[in-house]
């Protein structure tokens, strides 16, 4: 694929396939791609502990994949425009590691 930033590809491979929690980060990203959520909403939808989701959000924030709007418990998380511009790379990596929304449903 030409025009794909190799740094983005490397970062996504690491965050999604090369480190613990990659599957949960994929699930979070897929949800945020549809609309913004707060941590509590994500935890409920994903059936995860609040602290676990908070950890994943910190990882995504530090790597400039998500941004926040609002304060305290009203904080909503969005995908960054930078990440949205590279979303095809995210989908390609998910495909290569055998991830699909269907497989996510069976992992719950």
C-alpha atoms as a PDB file:
ATOM      1  CA  UNK A   1       0.000   0.000   0.000  1.00  0.00           C
ATOM      2  CA  UNK A   2       1.665   3.214  -1.075  1.00  0.00           C
ATOM      3  CA  UNK A   3       1.207   6.439   0.838  1.00  0.00           C
ATOM      4  CA  UNK A   4       0.895   4.628   4.165  1.00  0.00           C
ATOM      5  CA  UNK A   5       3.024   6.158   6.902  1.00  0.00           C
ATOM      6  CA  UNK A   6       5.398   3.392   8.075  1.00  0.00           C
ATOM      7  CA  UNK A   7       5.497   4.926  11.576  1.00  0.00           C
ATOM      8  CA  UNK A   8       1.707   4.632  11.853  1.00  0.00           C
ATOM      9  CA  UNK A   9       1.820   1.041  10.642  1.00  0.00           C
ATOM     10  CA  UNK A  10       4.542   0.146  13.155  1.00  0.00           C
ATOM     11  CA  UNK A  11       2.706   1.864  16.028  1.00  0.00           C
ATOM     12  CA  UNK A  12      -0.584   0.139  15.222  1.00  0.00           C
ATOM     13  CA  UNK A  13       1.062  -3.270  14.874  1.00  0.00           C
ATOM     14  CA  UNK A  14       2.611  -2.801  18.302  1.00  0.00           C
ATOM     15  CA  UNK A  15      -0.534  -1.478  20.027  1.00  0.00           C
ATOM     16  CA  UNK A  16      -2.924  -3.979  18.451  1.00  0.00           C
ATOM     17  CA  UNK A  17      -0.931  -7.151  17.908  1.00  0.00           C
ATOM     18  CA  UNK A  18       2.372  -6.808  19.730  1.00  0.00           C
ATOM     19  CA  UNK A  19       1.302  -5.981  23.258  1.00  0.00           C
ATOM     20  CA  UNK A  20      -1.161  -7.220  25.848  1.00  0.00           C
ATOM     21  CA  UNK A  21      -4.586  -5.662  25.588  1.00  0.00           C
ATOM     22  CA  UNK A  22      -4.523  -5.282  21.823  1.00  0.00           C
ATOM     23  CA  UNK A  23      -7.913  -6.931  21.354  1.00  0.00           C
ATOM     24  CA  UNK A  24      -9.539  -4.603  23.862  1.00  0.00           C
ATOM     25  CA  UNK A  25      -7.924  -1.583  22.196  1.00  0.00           C
ATOM     26  CA  UNK A  26      -9.338  -2.766  18.863  1.00  0.00           C
ATOM     27  CA  UNK A  27     -12.807  -3.064  20.386  1.00  0.00           C
ATOM     28  CA  UNK A  28     -12.516   0.429  21.895  1.00  0.00           C
ATOM     29  CA  UNK A  29     -11.328   1.940  18.605  1.00  0.00           C
ATOM     30  CA  UNK A  30     -14.178   0.295  16.699  1.00  0.00           C
ATOM     31  CA  UNK A  31     -16.700   1.808  19.114  1.00  0.00           C
ATOM     32  CA  UNK A  32     -15.101   5.263  19.002  1.00  0.00           C
ATOM     33  CA  UNK A  33     -15.115   5.131  15.223  1.00  0.00           C
ATOM     34  CA  UNK A  34     -18.930   4.995  15.398  1.00  0.00           C
ATOM     35  CA  UNK A  35     -19.371   7.759  18.026  1.00  0.00           C
ATOM     36  CA  UNK A  36     -17.735   9.275  21.131  1.00  0.00           C
ATOM     37  CA  UNK A  37     -18.053   7.563  24.516  1.00  0.00           C
ATOM     38  CA  UNK A  38     -16.879   8.117  28.076  1.00  0.00           C
ATOM     39  CA  UNK A  39     -14.929   5.484  30.001  1.00  0.00           C
ATOM     40  CA  UNK A  40     -17.928   4.276  31.977  1.00  0.00           C
ATOM     41  CA  UNK A  41     -19.982   3.725  28.804  1.00  0.00           C
ATOM     42  CA  UNK A  42     -17.104   1.841  27.176  1.00  0.00           C
ATOM     43  CA  UNK A  43     -16.623  -0.345  30.252  1.00  0.00           C
ATOM     44  CA  UNK A  44     -20.315  -1.259  30.297  1.00  0.00           C
ATOM     45  CA  UNK A  45     -20.538  -1.992  26.568  1.00  0.00           C
ATOM     46  CA  UNK A  46     -17.330  -4.049  26.551  1.00  0.00           C
ATOM     47  CA  UNK A  47     -17.941  -5.809  29.857  1.00  0.00           C
ATOM     48  CA  UNK A  48     -14.594  -4.615  31.174  1.00  0.00           C
ATOM     49  CA  UNK A  49     -13.454  -3.115  34.457  1.00  0.00           C
ATOM     50  CA  UNK A  50     -13.461   0.713  34.517  1.00  0.00           C
ATOM     51  CA  UNK A  51      -9.739   0.776  35.429  1.00  0.00           C
ATOM     52  CA  UNK A  52      -8.886  -1.522  32.518  1.00  0.00           C
ATOM     53  CA  UNK A  53     -10.660   0.771  30.049  1.00  0.00           C
ATOM     54  CA  UNK A  54      -9.008   3.787  31.676  1.00  0.00           C
ATOM     55  CA  UNK A  55      -5.609   2.136  31.134  1.00  0.00           C
ATOM     56  CA  UNK A  56      -6.326   1.466  27.452  1.00  0.00           C
ATOM     57  CA  UNK A  57      -7.532   5.042  26.976  1.00  0.00           C
ATOM     58  CA  UNK A  58      -4.290   6.337  28.537  1.00  0.00           C
ATOM     59  CA  UNK A  59      -2.286   4.207  26.078  1.00  0.00           C
ATOM     60  CA  UNK A  60      -4.344   5.499  23.131  1.00  0.00           C
ATOM     61  CA  UNK A  61      -4.061   9.107  24.374  1.00  0.00           C
ATOM     62  CA  UNK A  62      -0.274   8.888  24.792  1.00  0.00           C
ATOM     63  CA  UNK A  63       0.012   7.609  21.223  1.00  0.00           C
ATOM     64  CA  UNK A  64      -2.182  10.379  19.759  1.00  0.00           C
ATOM     65  CA  UNK A  65      -4.914   8.020  18.599  1.00  0.00           C
ATOM     66  CA  UNK A  66      -7.678   9.503  20.752  1.00  0.00           C
ATOM     67  CA  UNK A  67      -8.477  12.929  22.171  1.00  0.00           C
ATOM     68  CA  UNK A  68     -10.845  14.140  24.857  1.00  0.00           C
ATOM     69  CA  UNK A  69     -13.547  16.776  25.151  1.00  0.00           C
ATOM     70  CA  UNK A  70     -15.202  17.754  28.418  1.00  0.00           C
ATOM     71  CA  UNK A  71     -14.237  17.500  32.059  1.00  0.00           C
ATOM     72  CA  UNK A  72     -14.242  14.915  34.868  1.00  0.00           C
ATOM     73  CA  UNK A  73     -16.928  12.252  34.388  1.00  0.00           C
ATOM     74  CA  UNK A  74     -18.280  14.074  31.363  1.00  0.00           C
ATOM     75  CA  UNK A  75     -15.086  13.496  29.376  1.00  0.00           C
ATOM     76  CA  UNK A  76     -15.821  12.008  25.981  1.00  0.00           C
ATOM     77  CA  UNK A  77     -13.208  10.243  23.888  1.00  0.00           C
ATOM     78  CA  UNK A  78     -12.905  10.683  20.111  1.00  0.00           C
ATOM     79  CA  UNK A  79     -10.521   9.310  17.521  1.00  0.00           C
ATOM     80  CA  UNK A  80      -8.038  11.967  16.447  1.00  0.00           C
ATOM     81  CA  UNK A  81      -8.265  13.341  12.906  1.00  0.00           C
ATOM     82  CA  UNK A  82      -4.721  11.985  12.443  1.00  0.00           C
ATOM     83  CA  UNK A  83      -5.868   8.458  13.301  1.00  0.00           C
ATOM     84  CA  UNK A  84      -9.065   8.801  11.241  1.00  0.00           C
ATOM     85  CA  UNK A  85      -6.836   9.654   8.260  1.00  0.00           C
ATOM     86  CA  UNK A  86      -5.016   6.337   8.788  1.00  0.00           C
ATOM     87  CA  UNK A  87      -8.078   4.237   9.616  1.00  0.00           C
ATOM     88  CA  UNK A  88      -7.585   2.043   6.542  1.00  0.00           C
ATOM     89  CA  UNK A  89      -4.236   0.957   8.006  1.00  0.00           C
ATOM     90  CA  UNK A  90      -6.042   0.028  11.240  1.00  0.00           C
ATOM     91  CA  UNK A  91      -8.570  -2.059   9.280  1.00  0.00           C
ATOM     92  CA  UNK A  92      -5.794  -3.715   7.272  1.00  0.00           C
ATOM     93  CA  UNK A  93      -3.902  -4.730  10.425  1.00  0.00           C
ATOM     94  CA  UNK A  94      -7.098  -6.043  12.032  1.00  0.00           C
ATOM     95  CA  UNK A  95      -7.684  -8.142   8.936  1.00  0.00           C
ATOM     96  CA  UNK A  96      -4.117  -9.504   8.945  1.00  0.00           C
ATOM     97  CA  UNK A  97      -4.357 -10.588  12.577  1.00  0.00           C
ATOM     98  CA  UNK A  98      -7.720 -12.243  11.926  1.00  0.00           C
ATOM     99  CA  UNK A  99      -9.821  -9.739  13.863  1.00  0.00           C
ATOM    100  CA  UNK A 100     -13.433  -9.096  13.004  1.00  0.00           C
ATOM    101  CA  UNK A 101     -16.411  -7.732  14.899  1.00  0.00           C
ATOM    102  CA  UNK A 102     -17.884 -11.225  14.628  1.00  0.00           C
ATOM    103  CA  UNK A 103     -14.875 -12.744  16.436  1.00  0.00           C
ATOM    104  CA  UNK A 104     -15.198 -10.028  19.088  1.00  0.00           C
ATOM    105  CA  UNK A 105     -18.736 -11.148  19.885  1.00  0.00           C
ATOM    106  CA  UNK A 106     -17.572 -14.710  20.515  1.00  0.00           C
ATOM    107  CA  UNK A 107     -14.734 -13.515  22.802  1.00  0.00           C
ATOM    108  CA  UNK A 108     -17.072 -11.871  25.308  1.00  0.00           C
END
